[in-house]
Amino acid sequence: MIVEHRGAAPKIHPSAVVASTAVISGDVTIGAESQVLHGAVITAEGGSITIGESVIVMEQAVIRSSAADPVHIGDHCLIGPLSSISGATISDEVFIATGARIFNGAHIGSHSEVRINAVVHLRTELPENSTVPIGWVAVGDPAQILSPDRHDEIWAIQKDLDFPGYVFGLDRSTPDLLVQLTERYGAMLARHKDDHIVE
């Protein structure tokens, strides 16, 4: 399904293939010879999404931009099934494995691998030729790559990256943080009520 959102319709190269059950919404550009498989969702939520040439976006992957953080995916990348990319920059020839999560403001250098269920956290800079092992977490700038059992060390870095402040503009100490967050985010997402299906 191809959706016009806030006056912007996706631009898909004629040689790219988008499965009938994928959803491509808003200011999205998909390059030559790229493939978007069944159930994938690519949605531009205020910022653009650019997908390069010969990129494969597999089943149920989610790629989402925000007004503050557009998405750029370079050429010859493989985005695995059930993975999630939010507001990040992915350089050329990067492998994002099944279930990996890439957060807002992150940058992944070329020829890197983010393996099954691994995480590249908010505003993390992962240099080229990096590997985040299965289930591990990359966090910070420069990135530290830590096993998930090292939560206290991850949190020590992650806390200062300020997820609610950076992504939602809200102070973590706000007493009704989730009330304000869901109301603000819900109002932004409600802009989809005026979307138009192109095809």
C-alpha atoms as a PDB file:
ATOM      1  CA  MET A   1       0.000   0.000   0.000  1.00  0.00           C
ATOM      2  CA  ILE A   2       1.387   3.382  -1.022  1.00  0.00           C
ATOM      3  CA  VAL A   3       0.121   6.261   1.137  1.00  0.00           C
ATOM      4  CA  GLU A   4       0.297  10.026   0.706  1.00  0.00           C
ATOM      5  CA  HIS A   5       0.870  11.619   4.125  1.00  0.00           C
ATOM      6  CA  ARG A   6       0.744  15.381   4.743  1.00  0.00           C
ATOM      7  CA  GLY A   7       0.933  16.051   1.007  1.00  0.00           C
ATOM      8  CA  ALA A   8       3.993  13.858   0.388  1.00  0.00           C
ATOM      9  CA  ALA A   9       3.735  10.672  -1.653  1.00  0.00           C
ATOM     10  CA  PRO A  10       6.479   8.015  -1.788  1.00  0.00           C
ATOM     11  CA  LYS A  11       8.889   8.016  -4.723  1.00  0.00           C
ATOM     12  CA  ILE A  12       9.766   4.470  -5.717  1.00  0.00           C
ATOM     13  CA  HIS A  13      12.262   3.718  -8.493  1.00  0.00           C
ATOM     14  CA  PRO A  14      10.619   1.734 -11.318  1.00  0.00           C
ATOM     15  CA  SER A  15      13.045  -1.161 -10.805  1.00  0.00           C
ATOM     16  CA  ALA A  16      12.287  -1.442  -7.077  1.00  0.00           C
ATOM     17  CA  VAL A  17       9.770  -4.058  -5.931  1.00  0.00           C
ATOM     18  CA  VAL A  18       7.328  -3.414  -3.084  1.00  0.00           C
ATOM     19  CA  ALA A  19       5.195  -6.325  -1.858  1.00  0.00           C
ATOM     20  CA  SER A  20       1.442  -5.805  -1.932  1.00  0.00           C
ATOM     21  CA  THR A  21       1.152  -6.048   1.865  1.00  0.00           C
ATOM     22  CA  ALA A  22       3.958  -3.594   2.651  1.00  0.00           C
ATOM     23  CA  VAL A  23       3.031  -0.029   3.668  1.00  0.00           C
ATOM     24  CA  ILE A  24       5.067   2.916   2.355  1.00  0.00           C
ATOM     25  CA  SER A  25       3.828   6.236   3.751  1.00  0.00           C
ATOM     26  CA  GLY A  26       4.832   9.864   3.196  1.00  0.00           C
ATOM     27  CA  ASP A  27       8.140  11.411   2.163  1.00  0.00           C
ATOM     28  CA  VAL A  28       9.912   8.129   1.319  1.00  0.00           C
ATOM     29  CA  THR A  29      12.348   7.579  -1.549  1.00  0.00           C
ATOM     30  CA  ILE A  30      13.284   4.021  -2.520  1.00  0.00           C
ATOM     31  CA  GLY A  31      16.223   3.485  -4.871  1.00  0.00           C
ATOM     32  CA  ALA A  32      16.834   1.240  -7.838  1.00  0.00           C
ATOM     33  CA  GLU A  33      16.671  -2.547  -7.493  1.00  0.00           C
ATOM     34  CA  SER A  34      15.548  -2.345  -3.853  1.00  0.00           C
ATOM     35  CA  GLN A  35      13.045  -4.834  -2.430  1.00  0.00           C
ATOM     36  CA  VAL A  36      10.465  -4.277   0.314  1.00  0.00           C
ATOM     37  CA  LEU A  37       8.925  -7.571   1.441  1.00  0.00           C
ATOM     38  CA  HIS A  38       5.533  -8.472   2.878  1.00  0.00           C
ATOM     39  CA  GLY A  39       4.375  -6.706   6.011  1.00  0.00           C
ATOM     40  CA  ALA A  40       7.209  -4.163   6.122  1.00  0.00           C
ATOM     41  CA  VAL A  41       6.223  -0.636   7.181  1.00  0.00           C
ATOM     42  CA  ILE A  42       8.194   2.405   6.044  1.00  0.00           C
ATOM     43  CA  THR A  43       6.603   5.576   7.406  1.00  0.00           C
ATOM     44  CA  ALA A  44       7.901   9.151   7.262  1.00  0.00           C
ATOM     45  CA  GLU A  45       6.576  10.863  10.377  1.00  0.00           C
ATOM     46  CA  GLY A  46       7.698  14.429   9.713  1.00  0.00           C
ATOM     47  CA  GLY A  47      11.190  13.701   8.411  1.00  0.00           C
ATOM     48  CA  SER A  48      12.172  12.099   5.127  1.00  0.00           C
ATOM     49  CA  ILE A  49      13.260   8.512   4.578  1.00  0.00           C
ATOM     50  CA  THR A  50      15.788   7.730   1.863  1.00  0.00           C
ATOM     51  CA  ILE A  51      16.572   4.135   0.969  1.00  0.00           C
ATOM     52  CA  GLY A  52      19.435   3.588  -1.445  1.00  0.00           C
ATOM     53  CA  GLU A  53      19.989   1.112  -4.251  1.00  0.00           C
ATOM     54  CA  SER A  54      19.821  -2.674  -3.900  1.00  0.00           C
ATOM     55  CA  VAL A  55      18.504  -2.543  -0.338  1.00  0.00           C
ATOM     56  CA  ILE A  56      16.403  -5.430   0.966  1.00  0.00           C
ATOM     57  CA  VAL A  57      13.837  -4.637   3.657  1.00  0.00           C
ATOM     58  CA  MET A  58      12.523  -7.959   4.904  1.00  0.00           C
ATOM     59  CA  GLU A  59       9.183  -9.058   6.357  1.00  0.00           C
ATOM     60  CA  GLN A  60       7.693  -7.015   9.203  1.00  0.00           C
ATOM     61  CA  ALA A  61      10.624  -4.620   9.430  1.00  0.00           C
ATOM     62  CA  VAL A  62       9.640  -1.121  10.577  1.00  0.00           C
ATOM     63  CA  ILE A  63      11.460   2.008   9.406  1.00  0.00           C
ATOM     64  CA  ARG A  64      10.215   5.281  10.900  1.00  0.00           C
ATOM     65  CA  SER A  65      11.507   8.847  10.742  1.00  0.00           C
ATOM     66  CA  SER A  66      10.628  11.814  12.929  1.00  0.00           C
ATOM     67  CA  ALA A  67      10.696  15.558  12.344  1.00  0.00           C
ATOM     68  CA  ALA A  68      13.988  15.770  14.248  1.00  0.00           C
ATOM     69  CA  ASP A  69      15.521  12.601  12.830  1.00  0.00           C
ATOM     70  CA  PRO A  70      15.145  11.639   9.176  1.00  0.00           C
ATOM     71  CA  VAL A  71      16.257   8.173   8.074  1.00  0.00           C
ATOM     72  CA  HIS A  72      18.931   7.436   5.515  1.00  0.00           C
ATOM     73  CA  ILE A  73      19.811   3.880   4.488  1.00  0.00           C
ATOM     74  CA  GLY A  74      22.741   3.548   2.096  1.00  0.00           C
ATOM     75  CA  ASP A  75      23.207   1.161  -0.800  1.00  0.00           C
ATOM     76  CA  HIS A  76      23.406  -2.653  -0.554  1.00  0.00           C
ATOM     77  CA  CYS A  77      21.992  -2.924   2.975  1.00  0.00           C
ATOM     78  CA  LEU A  78      20.005  -5.852   4.320  1.00  0.00           C
ATOM     79  CA  ILE A  79      17.336  -4.971   6.887  1.00  0.00           C
ATOM     80  CA  GLY A  80      16.243  -8.195   8.559  1.00  0.00           C
ATOM     81  CA  PRO A  81      12.738  -9.345   9.463  1.00  0.00           C
ATOM     82  CA  LEU A  82      11.152  -7.862  12.588  1.00  0.00           C
ATOM     83  CA  SER A  83      13.892  -5.244  12.862  1.00  0.00           C
ATOM     84  CA  SER A  84      13.175  -1.617  13.733  1.00  0.00           C
ATOM     85  CA  ILE A  85      14.951   1.555  12.618  1.00  0.00           C
ATOM     86  CA  SER A  86      13.807   4.900  14.044  1.00  0.00           C
ATOM     87  CA  GLY A  87      15.369   8.160  12.894  1.00  0.00           C
ATOM     88  CA  ALA A  88      18.830   6.741  12.170  1.00  0.00           C
ATOM     89  CA  THR A  89      21.512   6.899   9.496  1.00  0.00           C
ATOM     90  CA  ILE A  90      22.711   3.583   8.094  1.00  0.00           C
ATOM     91  CA  SER A  91      25.754   3.724   5.803  1.00  0.00           C
ATOM     92  CA  ASP A  92      26.423   1.480   2.794  1.00  0.00           C
ATOM     93  CA  GLU A  93      26.709  -2.311   3.038  1.00  0.00           C
ATOM     94  CA  VAL A  94      25.303  -2.696   6.545  1.00  0.00           C
ATOM     95  CA  PHE A  95      23.546  -5.827   7.817  1.00  0.00           C
ATOM     96  CA  ILE A  96      20.747  -5.291  10.333  1.00  0.00           C
ATOM     97  CA  ALA A  97      19.732  -8.773  11.497  1.00  0.00           C
ATOM     98  CA  THR A  98      16.387 -10.181  12.610  1.00  0.00           C
ATOM     99  CA  GLY A  99      14.885  -8.319  15.544  1.00  0.00           C
ATOM    100  CA  ALA A 100      17.624  -5.687  15.805  1.00  0.00           C
ATOM    101  CA  ARG A 101      16.635  -2.224  17.076  1.00  0.00           C
ATOM    102  CA  ILE A 102      18.228   1.033  15.935  1.00  0.00           C
ATOM    103  CA  PHE A 103      17.130   4.209  17.750  1.00  0.00           C
ATOM    104  CA  ASN A 104      16.823   7.917  16.948  1.00  0.00           C
ATOM    105  CA  GLY A 105      19.954   9.833  16.102  1.00  0.00           C
ATOM    106  CA  ALA A 106      22.104   6.707  15.787  1.00  0.00           C
ATOM    107  CA  HIS A 107      24.654   6.398  13.006  1.00  0.00           C
ATOM    108  CA  ILE A 108      25.962   3.047  11.788  1.00  0.00           C
ATOM    109  CA  GLY A 109      29.168   3.101   9.783  1.00  0.00           C
ATOM    110  CA  SER A 110      29.625   1.182   6.548  1.00  0.00           C
ATOM    111  CA  HIS A 111      30.346  -2.555   6.486  1.00  0.00           C
ATOM    112  CA  SER A 112      28.911  -3.019   9.993  1.00  0.00           C
ATOM    113  CA  GLU A 113      26.695  -5.772  11.379  1.00  0.00           C
ATOM    114  CA  VAL A 114      24.025  -5.438  14.039  1.00  0.00           C
ATOM    115  CA  ARG A 115      23.225  -9.047  14.787  1.00  0.00           C
ATOM    116  CA  ILE A 116      20.031 -10.804  15.941  1.00  0.00           C
ATOM    117  CA  ASN A 117      18.138  -8.876  18.639  1.00  0.00           C
ATOM    118  CA  ALA A 118      21.004  -6.431  19.153  1.00  0.00           C
ATOM    119  CA  VAL A 119      20.380  -2.761  19.974  1.00  0.00           C
ATOM    120  CA  VAL A 120      22.062   0.423  18.774  1.00  0.00           C
ATOM    121  CA  HIS A 121      20.808   3.006  21.221  1.00  0.00           C
ATOM    122  CA  LEU A 122      19.782   6.630  20.889  1.00  0.00           C
ATOM    123  CA  ARG A 123      22.467   8.972  19.464  1.00  0.00           C
ATOM    124  CA  THR A 124      25.042   6.199  19.317  1.00  0.00           C
ATOM    125  CA  GLU A 125      27.916   6.437  16.831  1.00  0.00           C
ATOM    126  CA  LEU A 126      28.936   2.994  15.598  1.00  0.00           C
ATOM    127  CA  PRO A 127      32.135   3.208  13.521  1.00  0.00           C
ATOM    128  CA  GLU A 128      32.542   1.440  10.200  1.00  0.00           C
ATOM    129  CA  ASN A 129      33.376  -2.270  10.265  1.00  0.00           C
ATOM    130  CA  SER A 130      31.717  -2.684  13.684  1.00  0.00           C
ATOM    131  CA  THR A 131      29.839  -5.712  14.946  1.00  0.00           C
ATOM    132  CA  VAL A 132      27.209  -5.686  17.674  1.00  0.00           C
ATOM    133  CA  PRO A 133      26.928  -9.341  18.793  1.00  0.00           C
ATOM    134  CA  ILE A 134      23.659 -11.226  19.175  1.00  0.00           C
ATOM    135  CA  GLY A 135      21.553  -9.573  21.857  1.00  0.00           C
ATOM    136  CA  TRP A 136      24.218  -7.023  22.842  1.00  0.00           C
ATOM    137  CA  VAL A 137      23.812  -3.236  23.170  1.00  0.00           C
ATOM    138  CA  ALA A 138      25.821  -0.466  21.520  1.00  0.00           C
ATOM    139  CA  VAL A 139      25.467   2.796  23.399  1.00  0.00           C
ATOM    140  CA  GLY A 140      27.167   6.199  23.372  1.00  0.00           C
ATOM    141  CA  ASP A 141      29.513   8.271  21.259  1.00  0.00           C
ATOM    142  CA  PRO A 142      31.919   6.662  20.725  1.00  0.00           C
ATOM    143  CA  ALA A 143      29.921   3.469  21.047  1.00  0.00           C
ATOM    144  CA  GLN A 144      30.559   1.033  23.832  1.00  0.00           C
ATOM    145  CA  ILE A 145      29.352  -2.476  22.980  1.00  0.00           C
ATOM    146  CA  LEU A 146      28.125  -4.245  26.095  1.00  0.00           C
ATOM    147  CA  SER A 147      26.412  -7.513  26.912  1.00  0.00           C
ATOM    148  CA  PRO A 148      22.836  -7.137  28.193  1.00  0.00           C
ATOM    149  CA  ASP A 149      23.753  -8.396  31.678  1.00  0.00           C
ATOM    150  CA  ARG A 150      25.770  -5.178  32.165  1.00  0.00           C
ATOM    151  CA  HIS A 151      22.615  -3.121  32.593  1.00  0.00           C
ATOM    152  CA  ASP A 152      24.069  -0.717  35.163  1.00  0.00           C
ATOM    153  CA  GLU A 153      26.886   0.249  32.791  1.00  0.00           C
ATOM    154  CA  ILE A 154      24.466   0.588  29.872  1.00  0.00           C
ATOM    155  CA  TRP A 155      22.107   2.736  31.944  1.00  0.00           C
ATOM    156  CA  ALA A 156      24.963   4.966  33.133  1.00  0.00           C
ATOM    157  CA  ILE A 157      25.564   5.947  29.499  1.00  0.00           C
ATOM    158  CA  GLN A 158      21.975   5.694  28.285  1.00  0.00           C
ATOM    159  CA  LYS A 159      20.538   7.950  31.001  1.00  0.00           C
ATOM    160  CA  ASP A 160      22.530  10.968  29.784  1.00  0.00           C
ATOM    161  CA  LEU A 161      21.394  10.313  26.200  1.00  0.00           C
ATOM    162  CA  ASP A 162      17.945  11.347  27.520  1.00  0.00           C
ATOM    163  CA  PHE A 163      15.458   9.317  25.474  1.00  0.00           C
ATOM    164  CA  PRO A 164      12.263  11.141  26.617  1.00  0.00           C
ATOM    165  CA  GLY A 165      13.877  14.551  26.212  1.00  0.00           C
ATOM    166  CA  TYR A 166      15.515  13.854  22.860  1.00  0.00           C
ATOM    167  CA  VAL A 167      12.637  12.008  21.214  1.00  0.00           C
ATOM    168  CA  PHE A 168       9.586  13.587  22.869  1.00  0.00           C
ATOM    169  CA  GLY A 169      10.853  16.877  24.341  1.00  0.00           C
ATOM    170  CA  LEU A 170       9.837  15.846  27.865  1.00  0.00           C
ATOM    171  CA  ASP A 171      11.820  15.817  31.097  1.00  0.00           C
ATOM    172  CA  ARG A 172      12.234  12.319  32.532  1.00  0.00           C
ATOM    173  CA  SER A 173      11.330  13.633  36.012  1.00  0.00           C
ATOM    174  CA  THR A 174       7.883  14.847  34.899  1.00  0.00           C
ATOM    175  CA  PRO A 175       5.415  13.233  37.358  1.00  0.00           C
ATOM    176  CA  ASP A 176       2.902  12.332  34.641  1.00  0.00           C
ATOM    177  CA  LEU A 177       5.525  11.578  31.976  1.00  0.00           C
ATOM    178  CA  LEU A 178       3.586   8.842  30.188  1.00  0.00           C
ATOM    179  CA  VAL A 179       0.375  10.890  30.234  1.00  0.00           C
ATOM    180  CA  GLN A 180       2.095  13.813  28.533  1.00  0.00           C
ATOM    181  CA  LEU A 181       4.099  11.546  26.227  1.00  0.00           C
ATOM    182  CA  THR A 182       1.115   9.552  24.955  1.00  0.00           C
ATOM    183  CA  GLU A 183      -1.058  12.652  24.525  1.00  0.00           C
ATOM    184  CA  ARG A 184       1.655  14.540  22.625  1.00  0.00           C
ATOM    185  CA  TYR A 185       2.644  11.557  20.476  1.00  0.00           C
ATOM    186  CA  GLY A 186      -0.990  10.600  19.889  1.00  0.00           C
ATOM    187  CA  ALA A 187      -1.786  14.101  18.614  1.00  0.00           C
ATOM    188  CA  MET A 188       1.121  13.865  16.189  1.00  0.00           C
ATOM    189  CA  LEU A 189       0.091  10.422  14.956  1.00  0.00           C
ATOM    190  CA  ALA A 190      -3.512  11.598  14.511  1.00  0.00           C
ATOM    191  CA  ARG A 191      -2.309  13.497  11.439  1.00  0.00           C
ATOM    192  CA  HIS A 192      -2.687  10.169   9.616  1.00  0.00           C
ATOM    193  CA  LYS A 193      -6.469  10.634   9.584  1.00  0.00           C
ATOM    194  CA  ASP A 194      -6.054  12.755   6.450  1.00  0.00           C
ATOM    195  CA  ASP A 195      -3.807  10.269   4.617  1.00  0.00           C
ATOM    196  CA  HIS A 196      -4.668   9.297   1.064  1.00  0.00           C
ATOM    197  CA  ILE A 197      -4.001   5.850  -0.404  1.00  0.00           C
ATOM    198  CA  VAL A 198      -2.205   6.295  -3.725  1.00  0.00           C
ATOM    199  CA  GLU A 199      -2.215   2.603  -4.692  1.00  0.00           C
END
